[in-house]
């Protein structure tokens, strides 16, 4: 088992309908709309990301708040959008555990 702290160099993978839509750096604070689903807006702040707008009925994705640790994920099920925190420039498949 190998552990590594990835907190310095992480990105967010955004998927739509189970397909990777884009990856974004968490180094710059900004908010943006997902082009494929314009009713979804995400915000990056302090190296974390969150859903800030969605037309889904339950708003669980918005209530998830910020995520910023490798392995964390936020999902808007009705719109089929997911955001997952992963290490940048690293192949995590080589590790048994990420702490």
PDB file of N, CA and C in Angstrom:
ATOM      1  N   UNK A   1       0.842  -1.176   0.000  1.00  0.00           N
ATOM      2  CA  UNK A   1       0.000   0.000   0.000  1.00  0.00           C
ATOM      3  C   UNK A   1       0.884   1.235   0.000  1.00  0.00           C
ATOM      4  N   UNK A   2       0.501   2.248  -0.766  1.00  0.00           N
ATOM      5  CA  UNK A   2       1.256   3.476  -0.889  1.00  0.00           C
ATOM      6  C   UNK A   2       0.318   4.637  -0.683  1.00  0.00           C
ATOM      7  N   UNK A   3       0.723   5.598   0.126  1.00  0.00           N
ATOM      8  CA  UNK A   3      -0.088   6.783   0.379  1.00  0.00           C
ATOM      9  C   UNK A   3       0.634   8.006  -0.140  1.00  0.00           C
ATOM     10  N   UNK A   4      -0.118   8.973  -0.612  1.00  0.00           N
ATOM     11  CA  UNK A   4       0.483  10.191  -1.110  1.00  0.00           C
ATOM     12  C   UNK A   4      -0.490  11.330  -0.903  1.00  0.00           C
ATOM     13  N   UNK A   5       0.024  12.496  -0.530  1.00  0.00           N
ATOM     14  CA  UNK A   5      -0.814  13.677  -0.364  1.00  0.00           C
ATOM     15  C   UNK A   5      -0.892  14.400  -1.702  1.00  0.00           C
ATOM     16  N   UNK A   6      -2.065  14.454  -2.287  1.00  0.00           N
ATOM     17  CA  UNK A   6      -2.262  15.083  -3.593  1.00  0.00           C
ATOM     18  C   UNK A   6      -2.827  16.496  -3.488  1.00  0.00           C
ATOM     19  N   UNK A   7      -2.903  17.070  -2.299  1.00  0.00           N
ATOM     20  CA  UNK A   7      -3.637  18.313  -2.098  1.00  0.00           C
ATOM     21  C   UNK A   7      -3.082  19.495  -2.883  1.00  0.00           C
ATOM     22  N   UNK A   8      -1.828  19.464  -3.271  1.00  0.00           N
ATOM     23  CA  UNK A   8      -1.239  20.602  -3.961  1.00  0.00           C
ATOM     24  C   UNK A   8      -1.549  20.632  -5.457  1.00  0.00           C
ATOM     25  N   UNK A   9      -1.794  19.501  -6.071  1.00  0.00           N
ATOM     26  CA  UNK A   9      -1.924  19.454  -7.516  1.00  0.00           C
ATOM     27  C   UNK A   9      -3.134  18.600  -7.900  1.00  0.00           C
ATOM     28  N   UNK A  10      -4.317  19.193  -7.778  1.00  0.00           N
ATOM     29  CA  UNK A  10      -5.538  18.454  -8.066  1.00  0.00           C
ATOM     30  C   UNK A  10      -6.358  19.181  -9.130  1.00  0.00           C
ATOM     31  N   UNK A  11      -7.207  18.409  -9.785  1.00  0.00           N
ATOM     32  CA  UNK A  11      -8.118  18.948 -10.792  1.00  0.00           C
ATOM     33  C   UNK A  11      -9.498  18.349 -10.559  1.00  0.00           C
ATOM     34  N   UNK A  12     -10.477  18.893 -11.254  1.00  0.00           N
ATOM     35  CA  UNK A  12     -11.824  18.327 -11.218  1.00  0.00           C
ATOM     36  C   UNK A  12     -12.155  17.789 -12.601  1.00  0.00           C
ATOM     37  N   UNK A  13     -12.653  16.555 -12.625  1.00  0.00           N
ATOM     38  CA  UNK A  13     -13.154  15.966 -13.867  1.00  0.00           C
ATOM     39  C   UNK A  13     -14.666  16.123 -13.868  1.00  0.00           C
ATOM     40  N   UNK A  14     -15.188  16.757 -14.894  1.00  0.00           N
ATOM     41  CA  UNK A  14     -16.630  16.960 -15.026  1.00  0.00           C
ATOM     42  C   UNK A  14     -17.137  16.021 -16.106  1.00  0.00           C
ATOM     43  N   UNK A  15     -18.111  15.198 -15.741  1.00  0.00           N
ATOM     44  CA  UNK A  15     -18.698  14.250 -16.693  1.00  0.00           C
ATOM     45  C   UNK A  15     -20.160  14.571 -16.917  1.00  0.00           C
ATOM     46  N   UNK A  16     -20.618  14.385 -18.145  1.00  0.00           N
ATOM     47  CA  UNK A  16     -22.022  14.581 -18.516  1.00  0.00           C
ATOM     48  C   UNK A  16     -22.478  13.292 -19.189  1.00  0.00           C
ATOM     49  N   UNK A  17     -23.571  12.718 -18.708  1.00  0.00           N
ATOM     50  CA  UNK A  17     -24.088  11.455 -19.231  1.00  0.00           C
ATOM     51  C   UNK A  17     -23.045  10.342 -19.190  1.00  0.00           C
ATOM     52  N   UNK A  18     -22.197  10.341 -18.158  1.00  0.00           N
ATOM     53  CA  UNK A  18     -21.195   9.297 -17.999  1.00  0.00           C
ATOM     54  C   UNK A  18     -19.956   9.457 -18.855  1.00  0.00           C
ATOM     55  N   UNK A  19     -19.875  10.516 -19.640  1.00  0.00           N
ATOM     56  CA  UNK A  19     -18.723  10.763 -20.511  1.00  0.00           C
ATOM     57  C   UNK A  19     -17.965  11.981 -20.002  1.00  0.00           C
ATOM     58  N   UNK A  20     -16.627  11.897 -20.004  1.00  0.00           N
ATOM     59  CA  UNK A  20     -15.820  13.029 -19.571  1.00  0.00           C
ATOM     60  C   UNK A  20     -16.094  14.225 -20.465  1.00  0.00           C
ATOM     61  N   UNK A  21     -16.544  15.303 -19.865  1.00  0.00           N
ATOM     62  CA  UNK A  21     -16.854  16.539 -20.586  1.00  0.00           C
ATOM     63  C   UNK A  21     -15.631  17.449 -20.622  1.00  0.00           C
ATOM     64  N   UNK A  22     -15.005  17.669 -19.458  1.00  0.00           N
ATOM     65  CA  UNK A  22     -13.799  18.483 -19.395  1.00  0.00           C
ATOM     66  C   UNK A  22     -13.144  18.332 -18.034  1.00  0.00           C
ATOM     67  N   UNK A  23     -11.882  18.695 -17.976  1.00  0.00           N
ATOM     68  CA  UNK A  23     -11.180  18.779 -16.707  1.00  0.00           C
ATOM     69  C   UNK A  23     -10.870  20.243 -16.456  1.00  0.00           C
ATOM     70  N   UNK A  24     -10.925  20.644 -15.192  1.00  0.00           N
ATOM     71  CA  UNK A  24     -10.645  22.033 -14.842  1.00  0.00           C
ATOM     72  C   UNK A  24      -9.669  22.083 -13.684  1.00  0.00           C
ATOM     73  N   UNK A  25      -8.773  23.051 -13.749  1.00  0.00           N
ATOM     74  CA  UNK A  25      -7.844  23.307 -12.651  1.00  0.00           C
ATOM     75  C   UNK A  25      -8.616  23.989 -11.529  1.00  0.00           C
ATOM     76  N   UNK A  26      -8.230  23.716 -10.312  1.00  0.00           N
ATOM     77  CA  UNK A  26      -8.862  24.357  -9.161  1.00  0.00           C
ATOM     78  C   UNK A  26      -8.003  25.506  -8.636  1.00  0.00           C
ATOM     79  N   UNK A  27      -7.021  25.924  -9.403  1.00  0.00           N
ATOM     80  CA  UNK A  27      -6.097  26.961  -8.960  1.00  0.00           C
ATOM     81  C   UNK A  27      -6.613  28.379  -9.138  1.00  0.00           C
ATOM     82  N   UNK A  28      -7.640  28.579  -9.958  1.00  0.00           N
ATOM     83  CA  UNK A  28      -8.148  29.929 -10.225  1.00  0.00           C
ATOM     84  C   UNK A  28      -9.620  30.003  -9.849  1.00  0.00           C
ATOM     85  N   UNK A  29      -9.964  30.977  -8.999  1.00  0.00           N
ATOM     86  CA  UNK A  29     -11.358  31.167  -8.604  1.00  0.00           C
ATOM     87  C   UNK A  29     -12.173  31.662  -9.800  1.00  0.00           C
ATOM     88  N   UNK A  30     -13.301  30.994 -10.067  1.00  0.00           N
ATOM     89  CA  UNK A  30     -14.189  31.399 -11.163  1.00  0.00           C
ATOM     90  C   UNK A  30     -15.489  30.621 -11.064  1.00  0.00           C
ATOM     91  N   UNK A  31     -16.477  31.051 -11.802  1.00  0.00           N
ATOM     92  CA  UNK A  31     -17.708  30.284 -11.947  1.00  0.00           C
ATOM     93  C   UNK A  31     -17.984  30.146 -13.442  1.00  0.00           C
ATOM     94  N   UNK A  32     -18.659  29.057 -13.814  1.00  0.00           N
ATOM     95  CA  UNK A  32     -18.907  28.810 -15.228  1.00  0.00           C
ATOM     96  C   UNK A  32     -20.116  27.899 -15.402  1.00  0.00           C
ATOM     97  N   UNK A  33     -20.698  27.997 -16.586  1.00  0.00           N
ATOM     98  CA  UNK A  33     -21.848  27.184 -16.979  1.00  0.00           C
ATOM     99  C   UNK A  33     -21.336  26.030 -17.842  1.00  0.00           C
ATOM    100  N   UNK A  34     -21.928  24.862 -17.673  1.00  0.00           N
ATOM    101  CA  UNK A  34     -21.599  23.723 -18.524  1.00  0.00           C
ATOM    102  C   UNK A  34     -22.338  23.910 -19.846  1.00  0.00           C
ATOM    103  N   UNK A  35     -21.588  24.026 -20.931  1.00  0.00           N
ATOM    104  CA  UNK A  35     -22.174  24.320 -22.239  1.00  0.00           C
ATOM    105  C   UNK A  35     -23.257  23.334 -22.656  1.00  0.00           C
ATOM    106  N   UNK A  36     -23.036  22.046 -22.384  1.00  0.00           N
ATOM    107  CA  UNK A  36     -23.996  21.027 -22.805  1.00  0.00           C
ATOM    108  C   UNK A  36     -25.294  21.087 -22.007  1.00  0.00           C
ATOM    109  N   UNK A  37     -25.210  21.594 -20.778  1.00  0.00           N
ATOM    110  CA  UNK A  37     -26.387  21.684 -19.915  1.00  0.00           C
ATOM    111  C   UNK A  37     -26.363  23.066 -19.260  1.00  0.00           C
ATOM    112  N   UNK A  38     -26.891  24.080 -19.932  1.00  0.00           N
ATOM    113  CA  UNK A  38     -26.741  25.456 -19.457  1.00  0.00           C
ATOM    114  C   UNK A  38     -27.457  25.772 -18.136  1.00  0.00           C
ATOM    115  N   UNK A  39     -28.256  24.856 -17.641  1.00  0.00           N
ATOM    116  CA  UNK A  39     -28.936  25.096 -16.369  1.00  0.00           C
ATOM    117  C   UNK A  39     -28.074  24.660 -15.181  1.00  0.00           C
ATOM    118  N   UNK A  40     -26.829  24.259 -15.437  1.00  0.00           N
ATOM    119  CA  UNK A  40     -25.888  23.857 -14.386  1.00  0.00           C
ATOM    120  C   UNK A  40     -24.760  24.884 -14.342  1.00  0.00           C
ATOM    121  N   UNK A  41     -24.510  25.420 -13.146  1.00  0.00           N
ATOM    122  CA  UNK A  41     -23.403  26.364 -12.964  1.00  0.00           C
ATOM    123  C   UNK A  41     -22.531  25.867 -11.818  1.00  0.00           C
ATOM    124  N   UNK A  42     -21.216  25.898 -12.040  1.00  0.00           N
ATOM    125  CA  UNK A  42     -20.241  25.464 -11.050  1.00  0.00           C
ATOM    126  C   UNK A  42     -19.383  26.653 -10.619  1.00  0.00           C
ATOM    127  N   UNK A  43     -18.855  26.568  -9.403  1.00  0.00           N
ATOM    128  CA  UNK A  43     -17.984  27.612  -8.873  1.00  0.00           C
ATOM    129  C   UNK A  43     -16.711  26.974  -8.327  1.00  0.00           C
ATOM    130  N   UNK A  44     -15.575  27.589  -8.663  1.00  0.00           N
ATOM    131  CA  UNK A  44     -14.288  27.196  -8.093  1.00  0.00           C
ATOM    132  C   UNK A  44     -13.839  28.325  -7.185  1.00  0.00           C
ATOM    133  N   UNK A  45     -13.493  27.963  -5.955  1.00  0.00           N
ATOM    134  CA  UNK A  45     -13.043  28.960  -4.989  1.00  0.00           C
ATOM    135  C   UNK A  45     -12.136  28.274  -3.971  1.00  0.00           C
ATOM    136  N   UNK A  46     -10.997  28.896  -3.694  1.00  0.00           N
ATOM    137  CA  UNK A  46     -10.053  28.375  -2.700  1.00  0.00           C
ATOM    138  C   UNK A  46      -9.675  26.915  -2.961  1.00  0.00           C
ATOM    139  N   UNK A  47      -9.441  26.581  -4.242  1.00  0.00           N
ATOM    140  CA  UNK A  47      -9.029  25.238  -4.679  1.00  0.00           C
ATOM    141  C   UNK A  47     -10.078  24.169  -4.379  1.00  0.00           C
ATOM    142  N   UNK A  48     -11.346  24.581  -4.392  1.00  0.00           N
ATOM    143  CA  UNK A  48     -12.462  23.659  -4.229  1.00  0.00           C
ATOM    144  C   UNK A  48     -13.512  24.008  -5.274  1.00  0.00           C
ATOM    145  N   UNK A  49     -14.442  23.068  -5.509  1.00  0.00           N
ATOM    146  CA  UNK A  49     -15.471  23.277  -6.527  1.00  0.00           C
ATOM    147  C   UNK A  49     -16.824  22.848  -5.972  1.00  0.00           C
ATOM    148  N   UNK A  50     -17.889  23.490  -6.478  1.00  0.00           N
ATOM    149  CA  UNK A  50     -19.242  23.130  -6.064  1.00  0.00           C
ATOM    150  C   UNK A  50     -20.247  23.515  -7.145  1.00  0.00           C
ATOM    151  N   UNK A  51     -21.420  22.871  -7.079  1.00  0.00           N
ATOM    152  CA  UNK A  51     -22.567  23.274  -7.880  1.00  0.00           C
ATOM    153  C   UNK A  51     -23.164  24.506  -7.203  1.00  0.00           C
ATOM    154  N   UNK A  52     -23.455  25.558  -7.978  1.00  0.00           N
ATOM    155  CA  UNK A  52     -24.136  26.717  -7.383  1.00  0.00           C
ATOM    156  C   UNK A  52     -25.510  26.969  -8.006  1.00  0.00           C
ATOM    157  N   UNK A  53     -25.759  26.382  -9.172  1.00  0.00           N
ATOM    158  CA  UNK A  53     -27.081  26.497  -9.793  1.00  0.00           C
ATOM    159  C   UNK A  53     -27.426  25.194 -10.502  1.00  0.00           C
ATOM    160  N   UNK A  54     -28.689  24.812 -10.375  1.00  0.00           N
ATOM    161  CA  UNK A  54     -29.203  23.645 -11.091  1.00  0.00           C
ATOM    162  C   UNK A  54     -30.721  23.726 -11.085  1.00  0.00           C
ATOM    163  N   UNK A  55     -31.340  23.257 -12.141  1.00  0.00           N
ATOM    164  CA  UNK A  55     -32.800  23.251 -12.192  1.00  0.00           C
ATOM    165  C   UNK A  55     -33.395  21.935 -11.685  1.00  0.00           C
ATOM    166  N   UNK A  56     -32.573  21.097 -11.069  1.00  0.00           N
ATOM    167  CA  UNK A  56     -33.086  19.827 -10.545  1.00  0.00           C
ATOM    168  C   UNK A  56     -34.029  20.095  -9.364  1.00  0.00           C
ATOM    169  N   UNK A  57     -34.968  19.190  -9.116  1.00  0.00           N
ATOM    170  CA  UNK A  57     -35.985  19.453  -8.095  1.00  0.00           C
ATOM    171  C   UNK A  57     -35.493  19.384  -6.655  1.00  0.00           C
ATOM    172  N   UNK A  58     -34.524  18.540  -6.348  1.00  0.00           N
ATOM    173  CA  UNK A  58     -34.156  18.346  -4.941  1.00  0.00           C
ATOM    174  C   UNK A  58     -32.938  19.147  -4.481  1.00  0.00           C
ATOM    175  N   UNK A  59     -32.123  19.642  -5.390  1.00  0.00           N
ATOM    176  CA  UNK A  59     -30.948  20.477  -5.089  1.00  0.00           C
ATOM    177  C   UNK A  59     -29.901  19.783  -4.213  1.00  0.00           C
ATOM    178  N   UNK A  60     -29.860  18.449  -4.232  1.00  0.00           N
ATOM    179  CA  UNK A  60     -28.842  17.731  -3.460  1.00  0.00           C
ATOM    180  C   UNK A  60     -27.447  18.126  -3.937  1.00  0.00           C
ATOM    181  N   UNK A  61     -27.280  18.321  -5.226  1.00  0.00           N
ATOM    182  CA  UNK A  61     -25.966  18.692  -5.760  1.00  0.00           C
ATOM    183  C   UNK A  61     -25.492  20.025  -5.176  1.00  0.00           C
ATOM    184  N   UNK A  62     -26.396  20.977  -5.050  1.00  0.00           N
ATOM    185  CA  UNK A  62     -26.041  22.277  -4.484  1.00  0.00           C
ATOM    186  C   UNK A  62     -25.769  22.146  -2.988  1.00  0.00           C
ATOM    187  N   UNK A  63     -26.553  21.353  -2.301  1.00  0.00           N
ATOM    188  CA  UNK A  63     -26.373  21.173  -0.859  1.00  0.00           C
ATOM    189  C   UNK A  63     -25.127  20.381  -0.501  1.00  0.00           C
ATOM    190  N   UNK A  64     -24.507  19.717  -1.478  1.00  0.00           N
ATOM    191  CA  UNK A  64     -23.253  19.006  -1.233  1.00  0.00           C
ATOM    192  C   UNK A  64     -22.156  19.986  -0.840  1.00  0.00           C
ATOM    193  N   UNK A  65     -22.245  21.218  -1.315  1.00  0.00           N
ATOM    194  CA  UNK A  65     -21.290  22.284  -1.049  1.00  0.00           C
ATOM    195  C   UNK A  65     -19.954  21.992  -1.727  1.00  0.00           C
ATOM    196  N   UNK A  66     -18.871  22.599  -1.244  1.00  0.00           N
ATOM    197  CA  UNK A  66     -17.566  22.488  -1.882  1.00  0.00           C
ATOM    198  C   UNK A  66     -16.940  21.112  -1.672  1.00  0.00           C
ATOM    199  N   UNK A  67     -16.246  20.631  -2.717  1.00  0.00           N
ATOM    200  CA  UNK A  67     -15.406  19.442  -2.600  1.00  0.00           C
ATOM    201  C   UNK A  67     -14.007  19.836  -3.066  1.00  0.00           C
ATOM    202  N   UNK A  68     -12.983  19.230  -2.485  1.00  0.00           N
ATOM    203  CA  UNK A  68     -11.634  19.597  -2.870  1.00  0.00           C
ATOM    204  C   UNK A  68     -10.578  18.589  -2.475  1.00  0.00           C
ATOM    205  N   UNK A  69     -11.001  17.405  -2.080  1.00  0.00           N
ATOM    206  CA  UNK A  69     -10.077  16.352  -1.686  1.00  0.00           C
ATOM    207  C   UNK A  69     -10.157  15.222  -2.708  1.00  0.00           C
ATOM    208  N   UNK A  70      -9.012  14.683  -3.073  1.00  0.00           N
ATOM    209  CA  UNK A  70      -8.979  13.599  -4.058  1.00  0.00           C
ATOM    210  C   UNK A  70      -9.942  12.490  -3.646  1.00  0.00           C
ATOM    211  N   UNK A  71     -10.772  12.087  -4.594  1.00  0.00           N
ATOM    212  CA  UNK A  71     -11.749  11.030  -4.359  1.00  0.00           C
ATOM    213  C   UNK A  71     -13.144  11.557  -4.076  1.00  0.00           C
ATOM    214  N   UNK A  72     -13.262  12.819  -3.672  1.00  0.00           N
ATOM    215  CA  UNK A  72     -14.599  13.370  -3.410  1.00  0.00           C
ATOM    216  C   UNK A  72     -15.341  13.562  -4.723  1.00  0.00           C
ATOM    217  N   UNK A  73     -16.669  13.458  -4.644  1.00  0.00           N
ATOM    218  CA  UNK A  73     -17.492  13.571  -5.832  1.00  0.00           C
ATOM    219  C   UNK A  73     -18.807  14.258  -5.474  1.00  0.00           C
ATOM    220  N   UNK A  74     -19.301  15.075  -6.395  1.00  0.00           N
ATOM    221  CA  UNK A  74     -20.628  15.679  -6.280  1.00  0.00           C
ATOM    222  C   UNK A  74     -21.370  15.340  -7.564  1.00  0.00           C
ATOM    223  N   UNK A  75     -22.658  15.048  -7.436  1.00  0.00           N
ATOM    224  CA  UNK A  75     -23.431  14.578  -8.586  1.00  0.00           C
ATOM    225  C   UNK A  75     -24.791  15.256  -8.626  1.00  0.00           C
ATOM    226  N   UNK A  76     -25.223  15.635  -9.818  1.00  0.00           N
ATOM    227  CA  UNK A  76     -26.597  16.060 -10.061  1.00  0.00           C
ATOM    228  C   UNK A  76     -27.234  14.944 -10.890  1.00  0.00           C
ATOM    229  N   UNK A  77     -27.932  14.052 -10.219  1.00  0.00           N
ATOM    230  CA  UNK A  77     -28.499  12.883 -10.910  1.00  0.00           C
ATOM    231  C   UNK A  77     -29.518  13.238 -11.977  1.00  0.00           C
ATOM    232  N   UNK A  78     -30.473  14.143 -11.710  1.00  0.00           N
ATOM    233  CA  UNK A  78     -31.452  14.433 -12.759  1.00  0.00           C
ATOM    234  C   UNK A  78     -30.824  14.963 -14.052  1.00  0.00           C
ATOM    235  N   UNK A  79     -29.734  15.731 -13.929  1.00  0.00           N
ATOM    236  CA  UNK A  79     -29.071  16.282 -15.118  1.00  0.00           C
ATOM    237  C   UNK A  79     -27.898  15.437 -15.593  1.00  0.00           C
ATOM    238  N   UNK A  80     -27.604  14.344 -14.875  1.00  0.00           N
ATOM    239  CA  UNK A  80     -26.536  13.409 -15.243  1.00  0.00           C
ATOM    240  C   UNK A  80     -25.173  14.104 -15.354  1.00  0.00           C
ATOM    241  N   UNK A  81     -24.869  14.953 -14.351  1.00  0.00           N
ATOM    242  CA  UNK A  81     -23.596  15.663 -14.297  1.00  0.00           C
ATOM    243  C   UNK A  81     -22.874  15.260 -13.019  1.00  0.00           C
ATOM    244  N   UNK A  82     -21.591  14.908 -13.143  1.00  0.00           N
ATOM    245  CA  UNK A  82     -20.803  14.582 -11.959  1.00  0.00           C
ATOM    246  C   UNK A  82     -19.493  15.356 -11.979  1.00  0.00           C
ATOM    247  N   UNK A  83     -18.999  15.649 -10.784  1.00  0.00           N
ATOM    248  CA  UNK A  83     -17.719  16.338 -10.609  1.00  0.00           C
ATOM    249  C   UNK A  83     -16.904  15.492  -9.649  1.00  0.00           C
ATOM    250  N   UNK A  84     -15.702  15.109 -10.058  1.00  0.00           N
ATOM    251  CA  UNK A  84     -14.843  14.269  -9.221  1.00  0.00           C
ATOM    252  C   UNK A  84     -13.473  14.920  -9.096  1.00  0.00           C
ATOM    253  N   UNK A  85     -12.939  14.918  -7.877  1.00  0.00           N
ATOM    254  CA  UNK A  85     -11.616  15.481  -7.629  1.00  0.00           C
ATOM    255  C   UNK A  85     -10.575  14.380  -7.844  1.00  0.00           C
ATOM    256  N   UNK A  86      -9.599  14.672  -8.692  1.00  0.00           N
ATOM    257  CA  UNK A  86      -8.536  13.713  -9.011  1.00  0.00           C
ATOM    258  C   UNK A  86      -7.192  14.442  -8.992  1.00  0.00           C
ATOM    259  N   UNK A  87      -6.099  13.686  -8.793  1.00  0.00           N
ATOM    260  CA  UNK A  87      -4.777  14.324  -8.863  1.00  0.00           C
ATOM    261  C   UNK A  87      -4.427  14.676 -10.301  1.00  0.00           C
ATOM    262  N   UNK A  88      -3.780  15.793 -10.490  1.00  0.00           N
ATOM    263  CA  UNK A  88      -3.332  16.198 -11.820  1.00  0.00           C
ATOM    264  C   UNK A  88      -1.986  15.560 -12.111  1.00  0.00           C
ATOM    265  N   UNK A  89      -1.778  15.167 -13.350  1.00  0.00           N
ATOM    266  CA  UNK A  89      -0.498  14.620 -13.798  1.00  0.00           C
ATOM    267  C   UNK A  89      -0.033  13.430 -12.971  1.00  0.00           C
ATOM    268  N   UNK A  90      -0.957  12.675 -12.467  1.00  0.00           N
ATOM    269  CA  UNK A  90      -0.607  11.481 -11.701  1.00  0.00           C
ATOM    270  C   UNK A  90      -1.470  10.335 -12.207  1.00  0.00           C
ATOM    271  N   UNK A  91      -0.931   9.159 -12.196  1.00  0.00           N
ATOM    272  CA  UNK A  91      -1.716   7.982 -12.549  1.00  0.00           C
ATOM    273  C   UNK A  91      -2.100   7.293 -11.237  1.00  0.00           C
ATOM    274  N   UNK A  92      -3.332   7.558 -10.742  1.00  0.00           N
ATOM    275  CA  UNK A  92      -3.721   7.022  -9.438  1.00  0.00           C
ATOM    276  C   UNK A  92      -3.941   5.526  -9.476  1.00  0.00           C
ATOM    277  N   UNK A  93      -3.988   4.925 -10.646  1.00  0.00           N
ATOM    278  CA  UNK A  93      -4.167   3.478 -10.716  1.00  0.00           C
ATOM    279  C   UNK A  93      -2.964   2.743 -10.143  1.00  0.00           C
ATOM    280  N   UNK A  94      -1.844   3.409  -9.989  1.00  0.00           N
ATOM    281  CA  UNK A  94      -0.635   2.782  -9.454  1.00  0.00           C
ATOM    282  C   UNK A  94      -0.670   2.691  -7.921  1.00  0.00           C
ATOM    283  N   UNK A  95      -1.661   3.293  -7.277  1.00  0.00           N
ATOM    284  CA  UNK A  95      -1.698   3.338  -5.823  1.00  0.00           C
ATOM    285  C   UNK A  95      -2.850   2.483  -5.289  1.00  0.00           C
ATOM    286  N   UNK A  96      -2.605   1.817  -4.180  1.00  0.00           N
ATOM    287  CA  UNK A  96      -3.635   1.042  -3.525  1.00  0.00           C
ATOM    288  C   UNK A  96      -4.579   1.938  -2.739  1.00  0.00           C
ATOM    289  N   UNK A  97      -4.010   2.957  -2.082  1.00  0.00           N
ATOM    290  CA  UNK A  97      -4.787   3.854  -1.226  1.00  0.00           C
ATOM    291  C   UNK A  97      -4.331   5.277  -1.413  1.00  0.00           C
ATOM    292  N   UNK A  98      -5.270   6.202  -1.445  1.00  0.00           N
ATOM    293  CA  UNK A  98      -4.952   7.616  -1.479  1.00  0.00           C
ATOM    294  C   UNK A  98      -5.483   8.213  -0.198  1.00  0.00           C
ATOM    295  N   UNK A  99      -4.593   8.847   0.564  1.00  0.00           N
ATOM    296  CA  UNK A  99      -4.981   9.451   1.836  1.00  0.00           C
ATOM    297  C   UNK A  99      -4.785  10.947   1.766  1.00  0.00           C
TER     298      UNK A  99
END
